[in-house]
Protein backbone atom coordinates (compact mmCIF):
# COMPACT_ATOMS: atom_id res chain seq x y z
CA MET A 1 53.89 47.65 -105.92
CA LEU A 2 54.24 48.51 -109.59
CA ALA A 3 50.46 48.92 -109.87
CA ILE A 4 50.33 51.25 -106.84
CA VAL A 5 53.20 53.36 -108.14
CA LEU A 6 51.63 53.61 -111.61
CA VAL A 7 48.20 54.67 -110.31
CA MET A 8 49.73 57.17 -107.87
CA ALA A 9 51.83 58.61 -110.68
CA VAL A 10 48.78 59.14 -112.90
CA VAL A 11 46.71 60.68 -110.09
CA SER A 12 49.58 62.93 -109.02
CA LEU A 13 50.18 64.11 -112.56
CA SER A 14 46.47 64.80 -113.00
CA PHE A 15 46.20 66.87 -109.82
CA ALA A 16 49.45 68.66 -110.60
CA ALA A 17 48.15 69.59 -114.04
CA GLU A 18 44.87 70.77 -112.50
CA TRP A 19 46.66 72.89 -109.89
CA LEU A 20 48.97 74.46 -112.46
CA GLY A 21 45.96 75.20 -114.66
CA GLN A 22 44.23 76.92 -111.75
CA ARG A 23 47.31 79.04 -110.99
CA ARG A 24 47.58 80.07 -114.60
CA TYR A 25 43.87 80.89 -114.77
CA ASP A 26 43.99 83.02 -111.57
CA GLN A 27 46.96 84.96 -112.89
CA HIS A 28 45.28 85.57 -116.23
CA GLU A 29 42.03 86.69 -114.51
CA VAL A 30 43.88 89.20 -112.32
CA GLU A 31 45.77 90.59 -115.31
CA ARG A 32 42.53 90.92 -117.28
CA LEU A 33 40.75 92.79 -114.45
CA GLN A 34 43.77 95.02 -113.90
CA ALA A 35 43.85 95.95 -117.57
CA HIS A 36 40.15 96.78 -117.45
CA ALA A 37 40.59 98.92 -114.31
CA ARG A 38 43.51 100.72 -115.91
CA GLY A 39 41.50 101.55 -119.03
CA LEU A 40 38.51 102.64 -116.94
CA ALA A 41 40.75 104.94 -114.89
CA VAL A 42 41.90 106.66 -118.08
CA LEU A 43 38.28 107.22 -119.11
CA ALA A 44 37.31 108.39 -115.63
CA ALA A 45 40.05 111.02 -115.71
CA ARG A 46 37.93 113.02 -118.20
CA SER A 47 35.41 113.68 -115.43
CA PHE A 48 38.08 115.70 -113.55
CA GLY A 49 39.15 117.91 -116.40
CA ARG A 50 37.89 121.30 -115.00
CA GLY A 51 39.15 121.05 -111.42
CA ASP A 52 36.06 119.41 -110.05
CA PHE A 53 34.45 116.26 -111.27
CA GLU A 54 31.28 115.54 -113.11
CA ARG A 55 29.47 113.09 -110.85
CA ASP A 56 26.76 112.11 -113.31
CA ALA A 57 29.19 111.35 -116.10
CA LEU A 58 31.44 109.40 -113.74
CA GLU A 59 28.59 107.31 -112.30
CA THR A 60 27.26 106.64 -115.80
CA LEU A 61 30.69 105.44 -116.85
CA LEU A 62 30.94 103.19 -113.79
CA ALA A 63 27.46 101.81 -114.30
CA ASP A 64 28.08 100.97 -117.96
CA SER A 65 31.38 99.24 -117.22
CA GLY A 66 30.09 97.42 -114.13
CA ALA A 67 27.07 96.10 -115.95
CA GLN A 68 29.29 94.50 -118.58
CA LEU A 69 31.59 92.79 -116.07
CA SER A 70 29.23 92.23 -113.11
CA VAL A 71 31.60 94.01 -110.74
CA SER A 72 31.35 96.89 -108.29
CA PHE A 73 33.22 100.21 -108.46
CA GLU A 74 34.12 102.93 -106.03
CA VAL A 75 35.88 106.25 -106.58
CA HIS A 76 37.72 107.68 -103.59
CA ARG A 77 39.21 111.16 -103.22
CA PHE A 78 41.94 111.88 -100.70
CA THR A 79 42.09 115.09 -98.69
CA ALA A 80 45.27 116.99 -97.80
CA GLY A 81 45.34 115.16 -94.47
CA GLY A 82 45.35 111.76 -96.19
CA GLU A 83 41.74 110.89 -95.39
CA SER A 84 39.66 109.34 -98.15
CA GLU A 85 36.03 109.86 -99.05
CA ARG A 86 33.95 107.93 -101.52
CA ILE A 87 32.60 110.29 -104.13
CA ALA A 88 31.02 107.79 -106.54
CA ALA A 89 30.04 104.14 -106.48
CA PHE A 90 28.28 101.42 -108.43
CA GLY A 91 27.24 97.92 -107.40
CA ARG A 92 26.99 96.11 -104.07
CA ASN A 93 29.33 98.37 -102.18
CA ALA A 94 27.26 98.32 -99.00
CA GLU A 95 27.87 94.61 -98.59
CA PHE A 96 31.62 95.11 -98.50
CA SER A 97 32.01 96.94 -95.21
CA GLN A 98 35.38 95.42 -94.27
CA LEU A 99 37.36 96.31 -97.37
CA PRO A 100 40.97 97.47 -96.92
CA ARG A 101 41.86 101.16 -97.12
CA PRO A 102 42.38 102.43 -100.72
CA GLN A 103 45.93 103.01 -102.01
CA ALA A 104 46.34 106.40 -103.65
CA ASP A 105 49.94 106.36 -104.78
CA ARG A 106 50.13 103.14 -106.83
CA ALA A 107 48.18 100.43 -108.58
CA TRP A 108 47.44 97.67 -106.14
CA VAL A 109 45.79 94.23 -106.14
CA ASP A 110 44.55 92.78 -102.85
CA GLU A 111 43.98 88.98 -102.87
CA SER A 112 43.55 88.65 -99.11
CA LEU A 113 39.76 88.33 -99.43
CA LEU A 114 39.86 85.45 -101.92
CA ASP A 115 39.76 82.70 -99.34
CA ARG A 116 37.12 84.42 -97.16
CA TRP A 117 34.74 86.10 -99.62
CA ASN A 118 36.19 85.08 -103.02
CA LEU A 119 36.82 88.78 -103.80
CA LEU A 120 39.55 90.61 -105.68
CA VAL A 121 40.17 94.29 -104.83
CA ILE A 122 42.03 96.34 -107.48
CA ASP A 123 43.00 99.99 -106.90
CA GLU A 124 44.05 102.12 -109.88
CA PRO A 125 45.02 105.85 -109.53
CA ILE A 126 43.07 108.35 -111.68
CA SER A 127 45.07 111.19 -113.19
CA THR A 128 43.14 114.47 -112.51
CA GLY A 129 45.73 116.92 -113.88
CA GLY A 130 45.84 118.79 -110.56
CA GLU A 131 46.67 118.28 -106.93
CA GLN A 132 43.69 116.03 -106.28
CA ARG A 133 44.41 112.38 -105.57
CA VAL A 134 41.66 110.10 -106.78
CA VAL A 135 41.56 106.31 -106.82
CA LEU A 136 39.32 103.95 -108.80
CA ARG A 137 38.57 100.79 -106.85
CA MET A 138 37.25 97.65 -108.61
CA ILE A 139 35.65 94.96 -106.44
CA ALA A 140 35.27 91.77 -108.47
CA GLU A 141 34.00 88.39 -107.44
CA HIS A 142 36.55 85.83 -108.57
CA ALA A 143 35.21 83.04 -110.81
CA PRO A 144 36.88 79.83 -109.57
CA TRP A 145 38.78 77.51 -111.92
CA ALA A 146 37.37 74.41 -110.26
CA ARG A 147 34.89 73.59 -107.55
CA SER A 148 34.90 70.72 -105.08
CA HIS A 149 32.94 68.39 -107.35
CA ASP A 150 35.39 69.18 -110.15
CA TRP A 151 38.22 67.84 -108.02
CA ARG A 152 36.24 64.69 -107.32
CA GLU A 153 35.64 64.20 -111.03
CA THR A 154 39.31 64.78 -111.69
CA LEU A 155 40.14 62.12 -109.12
CA ILE A 156 37.72 59.66 -110.71
CA VAL A 157 39.02 60.30 -114.23
CA ALA A 158 42.65 60.07 -113.07
CA ALA A 159 41.98 56.82 -111.24
CA GLY A 160 40.24 55.39 -114.31
CA VAL A 161 43.09 56.39 -116.60
CA GLY A 162 45.54 54.92 -114.09
CA LEU A 163 43.71 51.60 -114.07
CA VAL A 164 43.61 51.48 -117.88
CA LEU A 165 47.31 52.25 -118.02
CA LEU A 166 47.86 49.63 -115.36
CA LEU A 167 46.09 46.98 -117.43
CA LEU A 168 47.90 47.95 -120.61
CA GLY A 169 51.21 48.21 -118.80
CA GLY A 170 50.66 44.85 -117.11
CA ALA A 171 49.87 43.22 -120.46
CA MET A 172 52.95 44.74 -122.08
CA LEU A 173 55.06 43.78 -119.08
CA GLU A 174 53.77 40.20 -119.29
CA LEU A 175 54.42 39.90 -123.03
CA GLN A 176 57.67 41.81 -123.28
CA VAL A 177 59.43 41.06 -119.99
CA LEU A 178 57.84 38.45 -117.72
CA ARG A 179 57.15 35.79 -120.35
CA PRO A 180 60.68 35.90 -121.87
CA MET A 181 62.14 35.92 -118.36
CA ARG A 182 60.13 32.84 -117.36
CA ALA A 183 61.21 31.05 -120.56
CA LEU A 184 64.82 31.93 -119.83
CA GLU A 185 64.38 30.75 -116.24
CA ARG A 186 63.04 27.40 -117.47
CA SER A 187 66.01 27.04 -119.80
CA VAL A 188 68.42 27.78 -116.96
CA GLY A 189 66.66 25.17 -114.81
CA GLN A 190 66.99 22.57 -117.57
CA VAL A 191 70.69 23.31 -117.94
CA ALA A 192 71.09 23.04 -114.17
CA GLY A 193 69.42 19.62 -114.43
CA GLY A 194 72.09 18.44 -116.87
CA ARG A 195 70.51 19.17 -120.26
CA LEU A 196 72.88 21.15 -122.45
CA ASP A 197 70.86 20.88 -125.68
CA VAL A 198 68.46 23.60 -124.50
CA GLU A 199 68.14 26.83 -126.46
CA ALA A 200 66.32 29.86 -125.04
CA ALA A 201 63.96 31.79 -127.31
CA THR A 202 65.53 35.08 -128.40
CA GLU A 203 62.37 37.20 -128.13
CA GLY A 204 61.26 40.25 -126.18
CA PRO A 205 63.17 43.50 -125.69
CA ARG A 206 66.65 43.84 -127.14
CA GLU A 207 68.35 43.40 -123.76
CA LEU A 208 66.50 40.15 -123.01
CA ALA A 209 67.08 38.88 -126.55
CA GLU A 210 70.81 39.56 -126.19
CA LEU A 211 70.79 37.82 -122.80
CA ALA A 212 69.06 34.76 -124.32
CA GLN A 213 71.55 34.71 -127.20
CA THR A 214 74.44 34.89 -124.74
CA PHE A 215 72.85 32.01 -122.82
CA ASN A 216 72.60 29.97 -126.03
CA ASP A 217 76.25 30.71 -126.83
CA MET A 218 77.16 29.56 -123.32
CA THR A 219 75.29 26.26 -123.67
CA ALA A 220 76.86 25.68 -127.09
CA SER A 221 80.30 26.28 -125.57
CA LEU A 222 79.48 23.88 -122.74
CA ARG A 223 78.42 21.24 -125.26
CA ARG A 224 81.70 21.66 -127.12
CA HIS A 225 83.70 21.40 -123.91
CA GLN A 226 81.71 18.34 -122.85
CA ALA A 227 82.40 16.68 -126.20
CA GLU A 228 86.09 17.52 -125.85
CA LEU A 229 86.12 16.05 -122.34
CA ARG A 230 84.47 12.85 -123.60
CA SER A 231 87.01 12.61 -126.40
CA GLN A 232 89.88 13.17 -123.97
CA ALA A 233 88.43 10.56 -121.60
CA GLU A 234 88.20 8.05 -124.45
CA GLN A 235 91.78 8.82 -125.46
CA LEU A 236 92.88 8.39 -121.86
CA GLN A 237 91.10 5.04 -121.62
CA ARG A 238 92.66 3.97 -124.87
CA SER A 239 96.09 5.03 -123.64
CA GLU A 240 95.55 3.02 -120.48
CA ARG A 241 94.52 -0.03 -122.51
CA LEU A 242 97.56 0.40 -124.74
CA ALA A 243 99.82 0.63 -121.70
CA ALA A 244 98.29 -2.53 -120.27
CA VAL A 245 98.75 -4.35 -123.56
CA GLY A 246 102.32 -3.14 -123.71
CA ARG A 247 103.06 -4.57 -120.29
CA ILE A 248 101.38 -7.86 -121.24
CA ALA A 249 103.33 -7.98 -124.50
CA ALA A 250 106.65 -7.44 -122.73
CA GLY A 251 105.88 -10.25 -120.29
CA VAL A 252 104.69 -12.58 -123.04
CA ALA A 253 107.79 -11.89 -125.11
CA HIS A 254 110.12 -12.88 -122.27
CA GLU A 255 108.09 -15.87 -121.09
CA VAL A 256 107.00 -17.30 -124.44
CA GLY A 257 109.65 -16.15 -126.89
CA ASN A 258 112.50 -18.42 -125.81
CA PRO A 259 110.38 -21.63 -125.46
CA LEU A 260 108.87 -20.98 -128.88
CA ALA A 261 112.29 -20.58 -130.43
CA ALA A 262 113.37 -23.88 -128.86
CA ILE A 263 110.25 -25.65 -130.15
CA VAL A 264 110.85 -24.30 -133.66
CA GLY A 265 114.42 -25.51 -133.52
CA TYR A 266 113.44 -28.99 -132.37
CA VAL A 267 110.80 -29.32 -135.06
CA GLU A 268 113.25 -28.23 -137.74
CA LEU A 269 115.73 -30.85 -136.46
CA LEU A 270 113.06 -33.55 -136.63
CA LEU A 271 112.15 -32.50 -140.14
CA GLY A 272 115.78 -32.84 -141.16
CA GLY A 273 115.77 -36.55 -140.32
CA SER A 274 115.44 -39.06 -143.18
CA GLU A 275 113.67 -41.88 -141.37
CA LEU A 276 110.34 -39.98 -141.02
CA GLY A 277 107.33 -41.14 -142.92
CA VAL A 278 105.11 -38.95 -145.04
CA ASP A 279 102.42 -38.60 -142.41
CA ASP A 280 104.90 -37.76 -139.67
CA ARG A 281 106.63 -35.19 -141.83
CA ASP A 282 103.32 -33.56 -142.72
CA LEU A 283 102.36 -33.41 -139.05
CA LEU A 284 105.68 -31.80 -138.13
CA ALA A 285 105.37 -29.28 -140.98
CA ARG A 286 101.95 -28.21 -139.69
CA MET A 287 103.35 -27.96 -136.16
CA LEU A 288 106.18 -25.77 -137.43
CA ALA A 289 103.76 -23.48 -139.31
CA GLN A 290 101.54 -22.97 -136.28
CA THR A 291 104.53 -22.40 -134.01
CA GLN A 292 105.94 -19.82 -136.42
CA ARG A 293 102.51 -18.13 -136.44
CA ILE A 294 102.70 -17.88 -132.67
CA GLN A 295 106.16 -16.34 -133.04
CA THR A 296 104.73 -13.82 -135.49
CA ILE A 297 102.00 -12.80 -133.03
CA VAL A 298 104.58 -12.46 -130.25
CA GLY A 299 106.69 -10.31 -132.57
CA GLN A 300 103.71 -8.08 -133.29
CA LEU A 301 103.09 -7.71 -129.57
CA LEU A 302 106.71 -6.67 -129.14
CA ASP A 303 106.41 -4.15 -131.95
CA TYR A 304 103.22 -2.79 -130.39
CA SER A 305 104.71 -2.46 -126.93
CA LYS A 306 107.95 -0.80 -128.03
CA PRO A 307 107.88 2.90 -128.91
CA ALA A 308 108.75 3.35 -132.58
CA ARG A 309 111.88 5.24 -133.46
CA VAL A 310 110.81 8.12 -135.67
CA GLU A 311 113.07 10.04 -138.02
CA ALA A 312 110.83 12.70 -139.59
CA ILE A 313 112.14 14.01 -142.91
CA ARG A 314 110.71 15.69 -146.00
CA VAL A 315 109.43 13.03 -148.40
CA ARG A 316 107.04 13.02 -151.33
CA ALA A 317 103.85 11.15 -150.52
CA GLY A 318 103.96 9.14 -153.74
CA ASP A 319 107.45 7.69 -153.17
CA PRO A 320 106.69 5.19 -150.36
CA ILE A 321 103.30 4.41 -151.90
CA ALA A 322 104.88 3.52 -155.25
CA GLY A 323 107.14 1.02 -153.47
CA ILE A 324 104.13 -0.51 -151.73
CA ILE A 325 102.25 -0.95 -155.03
CA ALA A 326 105.29 -2.65 -156.55
CA LEU A 327 105.63 -4.92 -153.50
CA THR A 328 101.98 -6.02 -153.44
CA ARG A 329 102.00 -7.13 -157.09
CA ALA A 330 103.85 -10.28 -156.01
CA ASP A 331 101.82 -10.81 -152.81
CA PRO A 332 99.29 -13.65 -153.15
CA ARG A 333 96.96 -11.81 -150.75
CA CYS A 334 96.56 -9.09 -153.39
CA ALA A 335 96.06 -11.41 -156.35
CA GLY A 336 93.29 -10.18 -158.62
CA VAL A 337 93.04 -6.83 -156.86
CA ALA A 338 93.61 -3.60 -158.84
CA ILE A 339 95.70 -1.23 -156.72
CA GLU A 340 95.92 2.38 -157.98
CA LEU A 341 97.49 5.63 -156.78
CA VAL A 342 95.44 8.81 -157.49
CA GLY A 343 95.58 12.43 -156.45
CA ALA A 344 98.47 14.81 -155.73
CA SER A 345 101.27 12.33 -155.14
CA GLU A 346 103.82 15.16 -155.40
CA LEU A 347 102.74 16.64 -152.03
CA GLU A 348 105.53 16.47 -149.47
CA LEU A 349 105.16 15.03 -145.97
CA LEU A 350 107.17 15.53 -142.81
CA ALA A 351 107.28 11.88 -141.72
CA ASP A 352 109.32 8.73 -141.41
CA PRO A 353 109.10 6.97 -144.83
CA SER A 354 109.51 3.48 -143.36
CA LEU A 355 106.65 4.03 -140.92
CA VAL A 356 104.46 5.47 -143.69
CA GLU A 357 105.19 2.36 -145.76
CA GLN A 358 104.29 0.10 -142.84
CA ILE A 359 100.97 1.89 -142.20
CA VAL A 360 99.89 2.12 -145.84
CA LEU A 361 100.96 -1.48 -146.56
CA ASN A 362 98.82 -2.73 -143.68
CA LEU A 363 95.84 -0.70 -144.91
CA VAL A 364 96.30 -1.91 -148.50
CA LEU A 365 96.53 -5.58 -147.46
CA ASN A 366 93.41 -5.23 -145.30
CA GLY A 367 91.60 -3.50 -148.18
CA ALA A 368 92.67 -6.16 -150.69
CA LEU A 369 91.43 -8.98 -148.46
CA ALA A 370 88.13 -7.16 -147.94
CA ALA A 371 87.73 -6.42 -151.67
CA ARG A 372 88.19 -10.10 -152.56
CA GLU A 373 85.27 -11.00 -150.26
CA VAL A 374 82.77 -9.33 -152.63
CA ALA A 375 82.55 -11.50 -155.74
CA GLU A 376 79.88 -9.51 -157.61
CA ARG A 377 82.13 -6.51 -158.33
CA PRO A 378 85.81 -6.10 -159.35
CA ALA A 379 88.22 -6.07 -156.43
CA ARG A 380 89.85 -2.67 -156.23
CA VAL A 381 91.95 -0.64 -153.77
CA GLU A 382 92.53 3.06 -154.38
CA ILE A 383 95.19 5.12 -152.62
CA ALA A 384 94.32 8.82 -152.81
CA VAL A 385 96.65 11.66 -151.80
CA PHE A 386 95.22 15.17 -151.30
CA GLU A 387 95.67 18.32 -149.26
CA LEU A 388 93.54 18.62 -146.13
CA ASP A 389 94.61 22.19 -145.39
CA GLN A 390 97.75 24.26 -145.63
CA ASP A 391 99.39 22.32 -142.80
CA ARG A 392 98.31 18.68 -143.37
CA VAL A 393 98.23 16.07 -146.12
CA ALA A 394 95.87 13.08 -146.21
CA ILE A 395 96.46 9.59 -147.62
CA GLU A 396 93.18 7.67 -147.99
CA VAL A 397 92.97 3.96 -148.70
CA ARG A 398 89.61 3.03 -150.21
CA ASP A 399 88.52 -0.51 -151.08
CA SER A 400 85.55 -2.09 -152.84
CA GLY A 401 84.82 -4.52 -150.01
CA PRO A 402 81.75 -4.77 -147.78
CA GLY A 403 82.83 -1.81 -145.64
CA VAL A 404 83.03 -1.34 -141.88
CA PRO A 405 79.67 -1.34 -140.03
CA ALA A 406 78.95 1.83 -138.09
CA ALA A 407 78.51 -0.17 -134.88
CA VAL A 408 82.14 -1.37 -134.93
CA ARG A 409 83.79 1.64 -136.62
CA GLU A 410 84.96 3.11 -133.31
CA ARG A 411 86.41 -0.23 -132.13
CA VAL A 412 88.54 -1.17 -135.13
CA PHE A 413 91.64 0.40 -133.55
CA GLU A 414 91.33 -1.50 -130.28
CA PRO A 415 94.03 -4.16 -129.70
CA PHE A 416 92.93 -7.71 -130.60
CA PHE A 417 89.64 -6.50 -132.11
CA THR A 418 89.04 -8.01 -135.56
CA THR A 419 86.07 -8.63 -137.83
CA ARG A 420 87.70 -11.63 -139.50
CA GLY A 421 87.09 -15.22 -138.60
CA ALA A 422 89.18 -17.27 -136.17
CA GLY A 423 92.76 -17.78 -137.30
CA LYS A 424 92.56 -15.04 -140.00
CA GLY A 425 93.77 -12.06 -138.03
CA THR A 426 95.25 -11.01 -134.72
CA GLY A 427 93.56 -7.58 -134.42
CA LEU A 428 96.88 -5.80 -133.88
CA GLY A 429 97.57 -4.35 -137.33
CA LEU A 430 95.32 -1.27 -137.11
CA ALA A 431 96.21 -0.64 -133.45
CA ILE A 432 99.92 -0.68 -134.33
CA SER A 433 99.32 1.52 -137.39
CA GLN A 434 97.45 4.10 -135.33
CA GLY A 435 100.27 4.21 -132.78
CA LEU A 436 102.79 4.74 -135.60
CA ALA A 437 100.70 7.56 -137.07
CA GLU A 438 100.49 9.30 -133.69
CA SER A 439 104.26 8.96 -133.23
CA MET A 440 104.64 11.12 -136.39
CA ALA A 441 102.16 13.76 -135.07
CA GLY A 442 99.49 12.34 -137.39
CA THR A 443 96.13 10.60 -137.11
CA LEU A 444 94.58 7.45 -138.50
CA GLU A 445 90.81 7.14 -138.61
CA CYS A 446 88.08 5.07 -140.20
CA ARG A 447 85.82 7.36 -142.23
CA GLU A 448 82.19 7.08 -143.22
CA HIS A 449 81.78 6.22 -146.91
CA GLU A 450 78.72 7.02 -149.00
CA GLY A 451 79.33 4.14 -151.43
CA SER A 452 80.51 0.59 -150.84
CA GLY A 453 83.75 -0.35 -149.15
CA ALA A 454 85.82 1.04 -146.30
CA VAL A 455 87.85 4.27 -146.16
CA PHE A 456 90.83 4.75 -143.84
CA ARG A 457 92.48 8.19 -143.73
CA LEU A 458 96.08 8.79 -142.64
CA SER A 459 96.70 12.46 -141.90
CA LEU A 460 100.30 13.69 -141.58
CA PRO A 461 102.03 17.08 -141.25
CA ARG A 462 102.93 18.85 -144.48
CA ALA A 463 106.64 19.48 -145.04
CA SER A 464 108.07 22.96 -145.31
CA ALA A 465 111.17 24.25 -147.08
CA GLY A 466 113.27 24.11 -143.92
CA ASP A 467 112.67 20.41 -143.18
CA PRO A 468 115.44 17.87 -143.93
CA PRO A 469 114.91 16.03 -147.27
CA ASP A 470 114.71 12.31 -147.88
CA ARG A 471 118.21 11.22 -148.85
CA GLU A 472 116.90 8.47 -151.12
CA HIS A 473 114.55 10.73 -153.08
CA ARG A 474 116.33 14.06 -153.36
CA GLY A 475 116.47 16.05 -156.54
């Protein structure tokens, strides 16, 4: 359809230009012949200067002018009754027996014979200076602008130009429109098939390039939303697991707590007896230690299942951390481990100091145990405080241990998941710490670390001037 329209447009424009050229040429030819007849009439008026006319001079004038233009002339004189008689002539006047009657009163052009004989008849009055009315008639054969074969040639040339334009237009249409549209269509099909990592090429005309860029922005937005949905689904699954663990913990606490307390009491009573031998006493002491370990695990389950009571106040980040460092100096689990506070410890948090202490203490103990596993380098735990942005403060605990493998980094906060050996950990410490951080509108995450060791980041809200201060650390 586009090809037909394009060829028809070219042919139509060609014929229209040819027709307009012919009209302009015909008009110019008539004006030229009229001007010549007008000038000849002025010259012919000299032959009527003495009342009559000089026939020889007039015919000589007509012959000279007609020979130059290849036209015929007639001179007509009108009687008092309005009849006309031809008084002079030059050319093929005898062949033109059906010419219209001359007009004596005005200049006149008759084009009625163009279609039949291809003739133009021009009448021009001659001023005689008296009462005589004389008319000069010019009979000219019109030279056509174009003949039939010219129109055929015009049609051939127009059709050829139309085909060339069609080929060029088709090539440009393919390169500039169709190819980018097909590429965009393929990209849309891939997105419809579930692939959101597709990017359309931003080429072609400006409109198509803008459309492709908008498509790429749309797919990028879809990828972001999909990632957010996956993150929300993971958080929902984690929340469901936490709720299930909470229900299990509550049941275990009621069913196991009281029997365990009774067992501990009985063992302590047996140990208080004096008739026990050394072996029996050692056996009971081990039984008591294992039973108390079970009680500790049950207590951790209870702590995990119960929502923490949070009292968020304004507190300097270094205050609870300084207490933790002082506490761990006497802890045998941190023996030989250098624990250091670095960074902007004067930054203020909006948090519960006791919960911050519990989280950081758990991270420090885990880091100290991990650092002691690597014998070839000094055991070290670093607590760094810095500003994340204008609204949040980060506390990072970095150790010199073997680090957390990437394969298990996302699972370290799952309940009962631990990388330690049997009997060395319950897998509840990090899960509880993450729940405490979230209760203070914060986050706890395991970060990638370029060097050796693990990095855990606790992010908490930054305190403002209107928040209540820590009563123990005011001033």
